[in-house]
Amino acid sequence: MGELMAFLVPIFSSIGSLFGGATVAGAGSAASTGFSLGSVLSVGSTLVGVAGTLASASAQSSAAKYNAAVKEQQANTEGQQAAARATELAARTRQRVAATRAGAVQNGFELEGSVADILNSVETQGALEGLTAIYDGNLRSRGLQSSAALDRSSAKNAITAGYLNAGTSLLSGFSEAYA
């Protein structure tokens, strides 16, 4: 809102100098400066429209910045959840290998040959599942980070568009007032 006020101060100063420092107390005073009450009201309406445009741009920018911050937090959470999932899968893999080993030994098999191949296969599958969990989490995290970057860009663009729209409104309003 401070940017809005800083933007409007020079505008009000310019308007004051256009009216020769005269205040509009009635139609007679406006007529003496060469401006009608309609022109003065048109300029006032333009200024209110400009203020509304700038306030709207500021609100859009704030919303986009908030969305970016939320998505950054979600991206961090995705990474942490992926790491936790990989840790959980590693623990399950160790349990499966231990259960397979115990079953083989209980049934009188040696931990060589086919049994060793089975144990190796269980360990490999577990490692693959853990890596897949991390990869998937990283993909989701990167997607959220990209979306956050777009939101930050939208925040900047909202401010720029607000100033451009406000300038357009000012020029249009002043041209109508002096026409």
Foldseek 3Di string as FASTA:
>chain_A
DVVLVVVCVVVVVVVCVLQVVDDDPDQVSCVVSVFGPVLVVLLVVLSVVLSVLQVVLQVLLVVLLVLLVVLLVVLVVLQVVLQVVLVVLQVVLVVVLVVLVVVCVVVPHDCDDPVVVVSVVSNVVSNVVSVVSNVVSNVSSVVSNVSSVVSNVSSVVSNVVSVVVSVVSNVVSNVVSVD
